[in-house]
Amino acid sequence: MKKLTLLIAVAALGILVYKQMAKEAAPAEQASAQALPSYSPQGAIEDEIINGDTTLLELPRLAGGNNNYFVTHRASGKVNYSLEYDVTKLHSRWVAFSFDAATAEDNVRRSDAWSWDPKIPAAYDTSNFFRRSGYSRGHLVASEDRTFSQAANEQTFYYTNMSPQLQTHNAGIWHRLENRIQEWARDRSFCDRLYVAKGGTIRDDQVEAERIKGKMVVPRYYWMALLMKKGKTYEGIAFLTEHRNYGKGERIDGLTLSIRELEQFTGLDFFYHLPDDIEQAVETTDPHSAASRRLWWKQ
């Protein structure tokens, strides 16, 4: 955790120089983009291709740009999850969804319905990128997050929801975090609704140097941001992991940080639809405070 704290401390400086880094890296980025099929965006907002509900509370702020697709998937008459997909990196920038009484229901088993996302052009299909890559097909929205209906679970197997993860990370610390979130989300005495944003970092300075097949980025970090609503009260917490194997003795409460710190590290803007005063309070809450530990960890 000390290493992560140091990384967060220098993140603000990293963000300041990131735009210059992006300019210097532009030729390589353009070359990568040119290797992918071209497309003509239609109905875009700020040139981003919009095919979903941009008003959902769980969403981070959209990046904009015609290399990004914003999608909301619906299942069984309910919002299932949303994502923002960067076609120049063949990876989602983030996924976002919420658990309420209906969507937290546990009605079906894992479907293993692997398929390409029908809302993203098939030209960007990554279903053949994982085999022999050394990485697992790591869910961002976990299969177990969406078991309220068969259709909802099947949508979690879209390849836009997959991230190339080391299996030791995917089945280890990431799975443990997923389990904890599901426990919170399905405990109606704990929350009325739990809003979740998750992802792997895809910024140029936060990915591995080598892309899979020269096209798909591999995140160096994975993160989660949570917003809990109980009555009229909102609370928030965030998690950050390095993309590596963690020992079984690693405590997941040691991976916490404030949402504001996660924003500084990733450059993303979480839960921006909240009223400013609530957003400020939620995002700056210290997860290591006595009150936070009592709330989240019953300590």
C-alpha atoms as a PDB file:
ATOM      1  CA  MET A   1       0.000   0.000   0.000  1.00  0.00           C
ATOM      2  CA  LYS A   2       2.978   2.330   0.604  1.00  0.00           C
ATOM      3  CA  LYS A   3       3.861   1.968  -3.065  1.00  0.00           C
ATOM      4  CA  LEU A   4       0.317   2.881  -4.101  1.00  0.00           C
ATOM      5  CA  THR A   5       0.347   5.886  -1.749  1.00  0.00           C
ATOM      6  CA  LEU A   6       3.525   7.138  -3.409  1.00  0.00           C
ATOM      7  CA  LEU A   7       1.967   6.661  -6.839  1.00  0.00           C
ATOM      8  CA  ILE A   8      -1.077   8.682  -5.796  1.00  0.00           C
ATOM      9  CA  ALA A   9       1.129  11.436  -4.390  1.00  0.00           C
ATOM     10  CA  VAL A  10       2.808  11.989  -7.748  1.00  0.00           C
ATOM     11  CA  ALA A  11      -0.369  11.536  -9.784  1.00  0.00           C
ATOM     12  CA  ALA A  12      -1.224  15.235  -9.811  1.00  0.00           C
ATOM     13  CA  LEU A  13       2.145  16.013 -11.417  1.00  0.00           C
ATOM     14  CA  GLY A  14       1.627  13.158 -13.864  1.00  0.00           C
ATOM     15  CA  ILE A  15      -1.707  14.575 -14.944  1.00  0.00           C
ATOM     16  CA  LEU A  16      -0.173  18.020 -15.529  1.00  0.00           C
ATOM     17  CA  VAL A  17       2.431  16.620 -17.903  1.00  0.00           C
ATOM     18  CA  TYR A  18       0.120  14.046 -19.466  1.00  0.00           C
ATOM     19  CA  LYS A  19      -1.150  16.358 -22.203  1.00  0.00           C
ATOM     20  CA  GLN A  20       2.407  17.054 -23.309  1.00  0.00           C
ATOM     21  CA  MET A  21       3.186  13.326 -23.203  1.00  0.00           C
ATOM     22  CA  ALA A  22       0.133  12.636 -25.308  1.00  0.00           C
ATOM     23  CA  LYS A  23       1.290  15.156 -27.904  1.00  0.00           C
ATOM     24  CA  GLU A  24       4.730  13.587 -28.069  1.00  0.00           C
ATOM     25  CA  ALA A  25       3.181  10.117 -28.350  1.00  0.00           C
ATOM     26  CA  ALA A  26       0.728  11.205 -31.041  1.00  0.00           C
ATOM     27  CA  PRO A  27       2.513   9.599 -34.024  1.00  0.00           C
ATOM     28  CA  ALA A  28       2.528   6.169 -32.337  1.00  0.00           C
ATOM     29  CA  GLU A  29      -1.098   6.565 -31.310  1.00  0.00           C
ATOM     30  CA  GLN A  30      -2.050   7.595 -34.836  1.00  0.00           C
ATOM     31  CA  ALA A  31      -0.206   4.603 -36.246  1.00  0.00           C
ATOM     32  CA  SER A  32      -2.145   2.315 -33.916  1.00  0.00           C
ATOM     33  CA  ALA A  33      -5.418   3.936 -34.900  1.00  0.00           C
ATOM     34  CA  GLN A  34      -4.590   3.665 -38.596  1.00  0.00           C
ATOM     35  CA  ALA A  35      -4.105  -0.074 -38.163  1.00  0.00           C
ATOM     36  CA  LEU A  36      -7.751  -0.329 -37.107  1.00  0.00           C
ATOM     37  CA  PRO A  37     -10.794  -0.023 -39.376  1.00  0.00           C
ATOM     38  CA  SER A  38     -12.124   3.501 -39.867  1.00  0.00           C
ATOM     39  CA  TYR A  39     -15.697   4.547 -39.169  1.00  0.00           C
ATOM     40  CA  SER A  40     -17.947   7.601 -39.492  1.00  0.00           C
ATOM     41  CA  PRO A  41     -19.545   8.699 -36.204  1.00  0.00           C
ATOM     42  CA  GLN A  42     -23.204   9.638 -36.387  1.00  0.00           C
ATOM     43  CA  GLY A  43     -25.325  11.238 -33.702  1.00  0.00           C
ATOM     44  CA  ALA A  44     -22.224  11.942 -31.623  1.00  0.00           C
ATOM     45  CA  ILE A  45     -22.033  14.315 -28.648  1.00  0.00           C
ATOM     46  CA  GLU A  46     -18.694  16.159 -28.632  1.00  0.00           C
ATOM     47  CA  ASP A  47     -17.812  13.689 -31.391  1.00  0.00           C
ATOM     48  CA  GLU A  48     -18.274  10.732 -29.009  1.00  0.00           C
ATOM     49  CA  ILE A  49     -20.649   8.068 -30.309  1.00  0.00           C
ATOM     50  CA  ILE A  50     -23.554   7.969 -27.850  1.00  0.00           C
ATOM     51  CA  ASN A  51     -25.795   4.938 -27.560  1.00  0.00           C
ATOM     52  CA  GLY A  52     -26.998   5.065 -23.975  1.00  0.00           C
ATOM     53  CA  ASP A  53     -28.330   7.065 -21.043  1.00  0.00           C
ATOM     54  CA  THR A  54     -25.844   9.795 -20.111  1.00  0.00           C
ATOM     55  CA  THR A  55     -27.865  10.894 -17.047  1.00  0.00           C
ATOM     56  CA  LEU A  56     -27.177   7.820 -14.899  1.00  0.00           C
ATOM     57  CA  LEU A  57     -25.697   8.694 -11.513  1.00  0.00           C
ATOM     58  CA  GLU A  58     -23.079   5.932 -11.584  1.00  0.00           C
ATOM     59  CA  LEU A  59     -21.334   7.278 -14.701  1.00  0.00           C
ATOM     60  CA  PRO A  60     -17.913   8.936 -14.732  1.00  0.00           C
ATOM     61  CA  ARG A  61     -17.686  11.980 -16.987  1.00  0.00           C
ATOM     62  CA  LEU A  62     -17.377  11.024 -20.667  1.00  0.00           C
ATOM     63  CA  ALA A  63     -14.013  11.554 -22.325  1.00  0.00           C
ATOM     64  CA  GLY A  64     -15.402  12.821 -25.642  1.00  0.00           C
ATOM     65  CA  GLY A  65     -13.701  12.254 -28.972  1.00  0.00           C
ATOM     66  CA  ASN A  66     -14.758  10.138 -31.939  1.00  0.00           C
ATOM     67  CA  ASN A  67     -12.550   7.251 -30.809  1.00  0.00           C
ATOM     68  CA  ASN A  68     -14.981   6.601 -27.936  1.00  0.00           C
ATOM     69  CA  TYR A  69     -18.308   4.798 -27.852  1.00  0.00           C
ATOM     70  CA  PHE A  70     -20.653   5.275 -24.897  1.00  0.00           C
ATOM     71  CA  VAL A  71     -23.116   2.399 -24.500  1.00  0.00           C
ATOM     72  CA  THR A  72     -25.842   1.484 -22.020  1.00  0.00           C
ATOM     73  CA  HIS A  73     -27.017  -2.123 -22.034  1.00  0.00           C
ATOM     74  CA  ARG A  74     -30.532  -2.910 -20.821  1.00  0.00           C
ATOM     75  CA  ALA A  75     -31.894  -6.318 -19.841  1.00  0.00           C
ATOM     76  CA  SER A  76     -35.308  -7.482 -18.679  1.00  0.00           C
ATOM     77  CA  GLY A  77     -36.633  -3.926 -18.718  1.00  0.00           C
ATOM     78  CA  LYS A  78     -33.846  -2.567 -16.492  1.00  0.00           C
ATOM     79  CA  VAL A  79     -30.558  -0.731 -16.958  1.00  0.00           C
ATOM     80  CA  ASN A  80     -27.891  -3.423 -16.770  1.00  0.00           C
ATOM     81  CA  TYR A  81     -24.620  -1.532 -17.151  1.00  0.00           C
ATOM     82  CA  SER A  82     -22.897   1.181 -19.179  1.00  0.00           C
ATOM     83  CA  LEU A  83     -19.392   1.487 -20.576  1.00  0.00           C
ATOM     84  CA  GLU A  84     -17.125   3.827 -22.493  1.00  0.00           C
ATOM     85  CA  TYR A  85     -15.062   1.986 -25.108  1.00  0.00           C
ATOM     86  CA  ASP A  86     -11.944   3.417 -26.762  1.00  0.00           C
ATOM     87  CA  VAL A  87     -11.506   1.814 -30.183  1.00  0.00           C
ATOM     88  CA  THR A  88      -7.888   2.993 -30.517  1.00  0.00           C
ATOM     89  CA  LYS A  89      -7.014   0.937 -27.444  1.00  0.00           C
ATOM     90  CA  LEU A  90      -9.587  -1.854 -27.843  1.00  0.00           C
ATOM     91  CA  HIS A  91     -10.460  -1.550 -24.173  1.00  0.00           C
ATOM     92  CA  SER A  92     -13.185   0.066 -22.092  1.00  0.00           C
ATOM     93  CA  ARG A  93     -12.163   3.181 -20.187  1.00  0.00           C
ATOM     94  CA  TRP A  94     -14.655   2.206 -17.486  1.00  0.00           C
ATOM     95  CA  VAL A  95     -17.856   0.293 -16.786  1.00  0.00           C
ATOM     96  CA  ALA A  96     -20.616   1.523 -14.477  1.00  0.00           C
ATOM     97  CA  PHE A  97     -23.782   0.073 -12.994  1.00  0.00           C
ATOM     98  CA  SER A  98     -25.838   0.017  -9.804  1.00  0.00           C
ATOM     99  CA  PHE A  99     -27.417  -2.479  -7.456  1.00  0.00           C
ATOM    100  CA  ASP A 100     -30.924  -1.837  -6.155  1.00  0.00           C
ATOM    101  CA  ALA A 101     -33.466  -4.283  -4.738  1.00  0.00           C
ATOM    102  CA  ALA A 102     -34.312  -5.604  -8.219  1.00  0.00           C
ATOM    103  CA  THR A 103     -30.870  -5.699  -9.856  1.00  0.00           C
ATOM    104  CA  ALA A 104     -29.261  -7.181  -6.738  1.00  0.00           C
ATOM    105  CA  GLU A 105     -31.408 -10.307  -7.002  1.00  0.00           C
ATOM    106  CA  ASP A 106     -29.488 -13.550  -7.420  1.00  0.00           C
ATOM    107  CA  ASN A 107     -31.698 -15.590  -9.751  1.00  0.00           C
ATOM    108  CA  VAL A 108     -29.473 -17.227 -12.367  1.00  0.00           C
ATOM    109  CA  ARG A 109     -26.145 -18.950 -12.749  1.00  0.00           C
ATOM    110  CA  ARG A 110     -23.121 -17.953 -14.788  1.00  0.00           C
ATOM    111  CA  SER A 111     -24.021 -18.185 -18.487  1.00  0.00           C
ATOM    112  CA  ASP A 112     -20.582 -18.247 -20.190  1.00  0.00           C
ATOM    113  CA  ALA A 113     -22.308 -16.634 -23.183  1.00  0.00           C
ATOM    114  CA  TRP A 114     -19.115 -15.218 -24.703  1.00  0.00           C
ATOM    115  CA  SER A 115     -19.823 -12.905 -27.651  1.00  0.00           C
ATOM    116  CA  TRP A 116     -18.972  -9.572 -29.196  1.00  0.00           C
ATOM    117  CA  ASP A 117     -20.898  -6.496 -28.055  1.00  0.00           C
ATOM    118  CA  PRO A 118     -23.688  -5.837 -30.599  1.00  0.00           C
ATOM    119  CA  LYS A 119     -23.561  -2.091 -29.889  1.00  0.00           C
ATOM    120  CA  ILE A 120     -19.931  -1.751 -31.022  1.00  0.00           C
ATOM    121  CA  PRO A 121     -18.966  -2.338 -34.684  1.00  0.00           C
ATOM    122  CA  ALA A 122     -17.679  -5.855 -35.299  1.00  0.00           C
ATOM    123  CA  ALA A 123     -14.560  -4.347 -36.874  1.00  0.00           C
ATOM    124  CA  TYR A 124     -13.254  -3.918 -33.305  1.00  0.00           C
ATOM    125  CA  ASP A 125     -14.043  -7.467 -32.157  1.00  0.00           C
ATOM    126  CA  THR A 126     -11.389  -8.676 -29.686  1.00  0.00           C
ATOM    127  CA  SER A 127     -12.707 -12.195 -29.119  1.00  0.00           C
ATOM    128  CA  ASN A 128      -9.570 -13.734 -30.667  1.00  0.00           C
ATOM    129  CA  PHE A 129      -7.092 -11.530 -28.789  1.00  0.00           C
ATOM    130  CA  PHE A 130      -6.856 -13.449 -25.514  1.00  0.00           C
ATOM    131  CA  ARG A 131      -5.851 -16.958 -26.518  1.00  0.00           C
ATOM    132  CA  ARG A 132      -2.118 -17.534 -25.994  1.00  0.00           C
ATOM    133  CA  SER A 133      -1.721 -13.908 -24.896  1.00  0.00           C
ATOM    134  CA  GLY A 134      -0.731 -14.825 -21.350  1.00  0.00           C
ATOM    135  CA  TYR A 135      -3.794 -13.009 -20.000  1.00  0.00           C
ATOM    136  CA  SER A 136      -7.236 -14.143 -18.898  1.00  0.00           C
ATOM    137  CA  ARG A 137     -10.547 -12.702 -20.049  1.00  0.00           C
ATOM    138  CA  GLY A 138     -11.087 -10.633 -16.930  1.00  0.00           C
ATOM    139  CA  HIS A 139     -14.612  -9.364 -16.329  1.00  0.00           C
ATOM    140  CA  LEU A 140     -14.972  -5.705 -15.396  1.00  0.00           C
ATOM    141  CA  VAL A 141     -18.669  -6.056 -14.556  1.00  0.00           C
ATOM    142  CA  ALA A 142     -18.473  -9.428 -12.819  1.00  0.00           C
ATOM    143  CA  SER A 143     -20.741 -12.231 -13.952  1.00  0.00           C
ATOM    144  CA  GLU A 144     -21.909 -12.460 -10.323  1.00  0.00           C
ATOM    145  CA  ASP A 145     -22.740  -8.727 -10.322  1.00  0.00           C
ATOM    146  CA  ARG A 146     -25.566  -9.285 -12.800  1.00  0.00           C
ATOM    147  CA  THR A 147     -27.604 -12.356 -11.902  1.00  0.00           C
ATOM    148  CA  PHE A 148     -31.049 -10.777 -11.729  1.00  0.00           C
ATOM    149  CA  SER A 149     -31.896 -12.281 -15.141  1.00  0.00           C
ATOM    150  CA  GLN A 150     -30.428 -14.558 -17.788  1.00  0.00           C
ATOM    151  CA  ALA A 151     -30.171 -11.732 -20.310  1.00  0.00           C
ATOM    152  CA  ALA A 152     -28.384  -9.506 -17.796  1.00  0.00           C
ATOM    153  CA  ASN A 153     -25.788 -12.162 -17.066  1.00  0.00           C
ATOM    154  CA  GLU A 154     -25.225 -12.934 -20.739  1.00  0.00           C
ATOM    155  CA  GLN A 155     -24.388  -9.276 -21.406  1.00  0.00           C
ATOM    156  CA  THR A 156     -21.498  -9.447 -18.925  1.00  0.00           C
ATOM    157  CA  PHE A 157     -19.793 -11.839 -21.354  1.00  0.00           C
ATOM    158  CA  TYR A 158     -19.499  -9.229 -24.111  1.00  0.00           C
ATOM    159  CA  TYR A 159     -15.846  -8.746 -24.985  1.00  0.00           C
ATOM    160  CA  THR A 160     -16.111  -4.993 -24.393  1.00  0.00           C
ATOM    161  CA  ASN A 161     -16.482  -6.003 -20.734  1.00  0.00           C
ATOM    162  CA  MET A 162     -13.258  -8.040 -20.804  1.00  0.00           C
ATOM    163  CA  SER A 163      -9.854  -6.802 -19.735  1.00  0.00           C
ATOM    164  CA  PRO A 164      -6.589  -8.728 -20.235  1.00  0.00           C
ATOM    165  CA  GLN A 165      -5.798  -9.693 -16.645  1.00  0.00           C
ATOM    166  CA  LEU A 166      -3.161 -11.906 -15.146  1.00  0.00           C
ATOM    167  CA  GLN A 167      -5.112 -14.881 -13.845  1.00  0.00           C
ATOM    168  CA  THR A 168      -3.498 -14.538 -10.422  1.00  0.00           C
ATOM    169  CA  HIS A 169      -4.947 -11.015 -10.194  1.00  0.00           C
ATOM    170  CA  ASN A 170      -8.280 -11.869 -11.819  1.00  0.00           C
ATOM    171  CA  ALA A 171      -8.990 -14.877  -9.593  1.00  0.00           C
ATOM    172  CA  GLY A 172      -7.208 -13.376  -6.605  1.00  0.00           C
ATOM    173  CA  ILE A 173      -7.461  -9.842  -5.253  1.00  0.00           C
ATOM    174  CA  TRP A 174      -9.905  -8.674  -7.957  1.00  0.00           C
ATOM    175  CA  HIS A 175     -12.281 -11.545  -7.227  1.00  0.00           C
ATOM    176  CA  ARG A 176     -12.083 -10.848  -3.508  1.00  0.00           C
ATOM    177  CA  LEU A 177     -13.017  -7.212  -4.106  1.00  0.00           C
ATOM    178  CA  GLU A 178     -15.913  -8.284  -6.321  1.00  0.00           C
ATOM    179  CA  ASN A 179     -17.207 -10.591  -3.603  1.00  0.00           C
ATOM    180  CA  ARG A 180     -17.074  -7.836  -0.996  1.00  0.00           C
ATOM    181  CA  ILE A 181     -18.975  -5.413  -3.209  1.00  0.00           C
ATOM    182  CA  GLN A 182     -21.651  -8.006  -3.897  1.00  0.00           C
ATOM    183  CA  GLU A 183     -22.047  -8.612  -0.164  1.00  0.00           C
ATOM    184  CA  TRP A 184     -22.558  -4.900   0.481  1.00  0.00           C
ATOM    185  CA  ALA A 185     -24.890  -4.507  -2.491  1.00  0.00           C
ATOM    186  CA  ARG A 186     -27.184  -7.363  -1.486  1.00  0.00           C
ATOM    187  CA  ASP A 187     -27.454  -6.284   2.147  1.00  0.00           C
ATOM    188  CA  ARG A 188     -30.579  -4.123   2.299  1.00  0.00           C
ATOM    189  CA  SER A 189     -29.814  -3.206   5.908  1.00  0.00           C
ATOM    190  CA  PHE A 190     -26.554  -1.676   4.650  1.00  0.00           C
ATOM    191  CA  CYS A 191     -27.713   0.227   1.565  1.00  0.00           C
ATOM    192  CA  ASP A 192     -30.745   1.046  -0.524  1.00  0.00           C
ATOM    193  CA  ARG A 193     -28.604   1.354  -3.628  1.00  0.00           C
ATOM    194  CA  LEU A 194     -24.945   0.887  -4.463  1.00  0.00           C
ATOM    195  CA  TYR A 195     -23.493   2.699  -7.485  1.00  0.00           C
ATOM    196  CA  VAL A 196     -20.324   1.177  -8.934  1.00  0.00           C
ATOM    197  CA  ALA A 197     -17.705   2.312 -11.445  1.00  0.00           C
ATOM    198  CA  LYS A 198     -14.824  -0.049 -12.273  1.00  0.00           C
ATOM    199  CA  GLY A 199     -12.000  -0.290 -14.716  1.00  0.00           C
ATOM    200  CA  GLY A 200      -8.425  -0.894 -15.656  1.00  0.00           C
ATOM    201  CA  THR A 201      -6.245   2.104 -16.455  1.00  0.00           C
ATOM    202  CA  ILE A 202      -5.849   2.758 -20.181  1.00  0.00           C
ATOM    203  CA  ARG A 203      -4.114   6.137 -20.144  1.00  0.00           C
ATOM    204  CA  ASP A 204      -0.866   6.031 -22.111  1.00  0.00           C
ATOM    205  CA  ASP A 205       1.303   6.318 -18.989  1.00  0.00           C
ATOM    206  CA  GLN A 206      -0.711   3.680 -17.086  1.00  0.00           C
ATOM    207  CA  VAL A 207      -0.540   0.702 -19.462  1.00  0.00           C
ATOM    208  CA  GLU A 208       2.095  -1.908 -20.249  1.00  0.00           C
ATOM    209  CA  ALA A 209       4.522  -0.978 -23.015  1.00  0.00           C
ATOM    210  CA  GLU A 210       3.503  -3.880 -25.264  1.00  0.00           C
ATOM    211  CA  ARG A 211      -0.028  -4.160 -26.642  1.00  0.00           C
ATOM    212  CA  ILE A 212      -1.671  -7.498 -27.397  1.00  0.00           C
ATOM    213  CA  LYS A 213      -1.340  -8.020 -31.162  1.00  0.00           C
ATOM    214  CA  GLY A 214      -0.001  -4.477 -31.219  1.00  0.00           C
ATOM    215  CA  LYS A 215      -3.503  -3.086 -30.614  1.00  0.00           C
ATOM    216  CA  MET A 216      -5.102  -3.942 -27.246  1.00  0.00           C
ATOM    217  CA  VAL A 217      -3.698  -2.178 -24.190  1.00  0.00           C
ATOM    218  CA  VAL A 218      -2.942  -4.005 -20.940  1.00  0.00           C
ATOM    219  CA  PRO A 219      -3.705  -1.961 -17.783  1.00  0.00           C
ATOM    220  CA  ARG A 220      -1.071  -1.549 -15.104  1.00  0.00           C
ATOM    221  CA  TYR A 221      -3.686  -0.829 -12.441  1.00  0.00           C
ATOM    222  CA  TYR A 222      -7.297  -1.739 -11.668  1.00  0.00           C
ATOM    223  CA  TRP A 223      -9.711   0.337  -9.633  1.00  0.00           C
ATOM    224  CA  MET A 224     -13.249   0.537  -8.239  1.00  0.00           C
ATOM    225  CA  ALA A 225     -15.250   3.563  -7.051  1.00  0.00           C
ATOM    226  CA  LEU A 226     -18.375   3.044  -4.927  1.00  0.00           C
ATOM    227  CA  LEU A 227     -21.221   5.361  -3.978  1.00  0.00           C
ATOM    228  CA  MET A 228     -23.590   4.012  -1.337  1.00  0.00           C
ATOM    229  CA  LYS A 229     -27.052   5.482  -0.733  1.00  0.00           C
ATOM    230  CA  LYS A 230     -29.020   4.746   2.432  1.00  0.00           C
ATOM    231  CA  GLY A 231     -32.111   6.875   2.970  1.00  0.00           C
ATOM    232  CA  LYS A 232     -31.003  10.419   2.137  1.00  0.00           C
ATOM    233  CA  THR A 233     -27.356   9.762   2.975  1.00  0.00           C
ATOM    234  CA  TYR A 234     -24.516   9.115   0.517  1.00  0.00           C
ATOM    235  CA  GLU A 235     -21.130   7.589   1.349  1.00  0.00           C
ATOM    236  CA  GLY A 236     -18.186   6.788  -0.901  1.00  0.00           C
ATOM    237  CA  ILE A 237     -15.040   4.686  -1.001  1.00  0.00           C
ATOM    238  CA  ALA A 238     -12.527   3.611  -3.659  1.00  0.00           C
ATOM    239  CA  PHE A 239     -10.022   0.817  -4.255  1.00  0.00           C
ATOM    240  CA  LEU A 240      -6.827   0.673  -6.301  1.00  0.00           C
ATOM    241  CA  THR A 241      -4.700  -2.371  -7.113  1.00  0.00           C
ATOM    242  CA  GLU A 242      -1.544  -2.897  -9.083  1.00  0.00           C
ATOM    243  CA  HIS A 243      -1.898  -5.461 -11.873  1.00  0.00           C
ATOM    244  CA  ARG A 244       0.068  -8.216 -10.159  1.00  0.00           C
ATOM    245  CA  ASN A 245      -0.354 -11.198  -7.901  1.00  0.00           C
ATOM    246  CA  TYR A 246      -1.297 -10.402  -4.308  1.00  0.00           C
ATOM    247  CA  GLY A 247      -0.746 -12.877  -1.512  1.00  0.00           C
ATOM    248  CA  LYS A 248      -3.718 -14.515   0.168  1.00  0.00           C
ATOM    249  CA  GLY A 249      -2.935 -12.551   3.308  1.00  0.00           C
ATOM    250  CA  GLU A 250      -3.401  -9.177   1.589  1.00  0.00           C
ATOM    251  CA  ARG A 251      -6.174  -7.231   3.328  1.00  0.00           C
ATOM    252  CA  ILE A 252      -8.562  -5.566   0.899  1.00  0.00           C
ATOM    253  CA  ASP A 253      -9.263  -2.782   3.375  1.00  0.00           C
ATOM    254  CA  GLY A 254      -5.607  -1.870   2.904  1.00  0.00           C
ATOM    255  CA  LEU A 255      -6.299  -1.052  -0.767  1.00  0.00           C
ATOM    256  CA  THR A 256      -8.721   1.782  -0.012  1.00  0.00           C
ATOM    257  CA  LEU A 257      -8.346   5.436  -0.905  1.00  0.00           C
ATOM    258  CA  SER A 258     -10.705   8.363  -1.209  1.00  0.00           C
ATOM    259  CA  ILE A 259     -12.612   8.857  -4.443  1.00  0.00           C
ATOM    260  CA  ARG A 260     -10.816  12.190  -4.877  1.00  0.00           C
ATOM    261  CA  GLU A 261      -7.450  10.442  -4.640  1.00  0.00           C
ATOM    262  CA  LEU A 262      -8.591   7.916  -7.245  1.00  0.00           C
ATOM    263  CA  GLU A 263      -9.678  10.788  -9.494  1.00  0.00           C
ATOM    264  CA  GLN A 264      -6.242  12.360  -9.154  1.00  0.00           C
ATOM    265  CA  PHE A 265      -4.574   9.070 -10.009  1.00  0.00           C
ATOM    266  CA  THR A 266      -6.745   8.113 -13.000  1.00  0.00           C
ATOM    267  CA  GLY A 267      -7.715  11.537 -14.338  1.00  0.00           C
ATOM    268  CA  LEU A 268     -11.387  10.464 -14.302  1.00  0.00           C
ATOM    269  CA  ASP A 269     -14.287  12.423 -12.777  1.00  0.00           C
ATOM    270  CA  PHE A 270     -16.552  10.116 -10.760  1.00  0.00           C
ATOM    271  CA  PHE A 271     -20.204  10.645  -9.767  1.00  0.00           C
ATOM    272  CA  TYR A 272     -20.237  14.108 -11.329  1.00  0.00           C
ATOM    273  CA  HIS A 273     -24.046  14.132 -11.538  1.00  0.00           C
ATOM    274  CA  LEU A 274     -24.262  14.530  -7.750  1.00  0.00           C
ATOM    275  CA  PRO A 275     -25.007  18.005  -6.346  1.00  0.00           C
ATOM    276  CA  ASP A 276     -21.659  19.740  -5.812  1.00  0.00           C
ATOM    277  CA  ASP A 277     -21.845  19.806  -2.013  1.00  0.00           C
ATOM    278  CA  ILE A 278     -22.666  16.099  -1.783  1.00  0.00           C
ATOM    279  CA  GLU A 279     -20.024  15.205  -4.372  1.00  0.00           C
ATOM    280  CA  GLN A 280     -17.393  17.153  -2.442  1.00  0.00           C
ATOM    281  CA  ALA A 281     -18.265  15.467   0.853  1.00  0.00           C
ATOM    282  CA  VAL A 282     -18.448  11.955  -0.607  1.00  0.00           C
ATOM    283  CA  GLU A 283     -15.259  12.190  -2.632  1.00  0.00           C
ATOM    284  CA  THR A 284     -13.084  13.621   0.136  1.00  0.00           C
ATOM    285  CA  THR A 285     -14.144  11.201   2.877  1.00  0.00           C
ATOM    286  CA  ASP A 286     -11.098   9.527   4.402  1.00  0.00           C
ATOM    287  CA  PRO A 287     -11.605   5.747   4.107  1.00  0.00           C
ATOM    288  CA  HIS A 288      -9.186   5.231   6.991  1.00  0.00           C
ATOM    289  CA  SER A 289     -11.148   7.360   9.450  1.00  0.00           C
ATOM    290  CA  ALA A 290     -12.843   5.695  12.405  1.00  0.00           C
ATOM    291  CA  ALA A 291     -16.289   6.532  10.995  1.00  0.00           C
ATOM    292  CA  SER A 292     -15.473   5.007   7.606  1.00  0.00           C
ATOM    293  CA  ARG A 293     -14.053   1.854   9.142  1.00  0.00           C
ATOM    294  CA  ARG A 294     -17.172   1.418  11.253  1.00  0.00           C
ATOM    295  CA  LEU A 295     -19.407   1.905   8.217  1.00  0.00           C
ATOM    296  CA  TRP A 296     -17.626  -0.291   5.670  1.00  0.00           C
ATOM    297  CA  TRP A 297     -15.765  -2.810   7.815  1.00  0.00           C
ATOM    298  CA  LYS A 298     -17.748  -2.841  11.082  1.00  0.00           C
ATOM    299  CA  GLN A 299     -14.544  -2.050  12.963  1.00  0.00           C
END
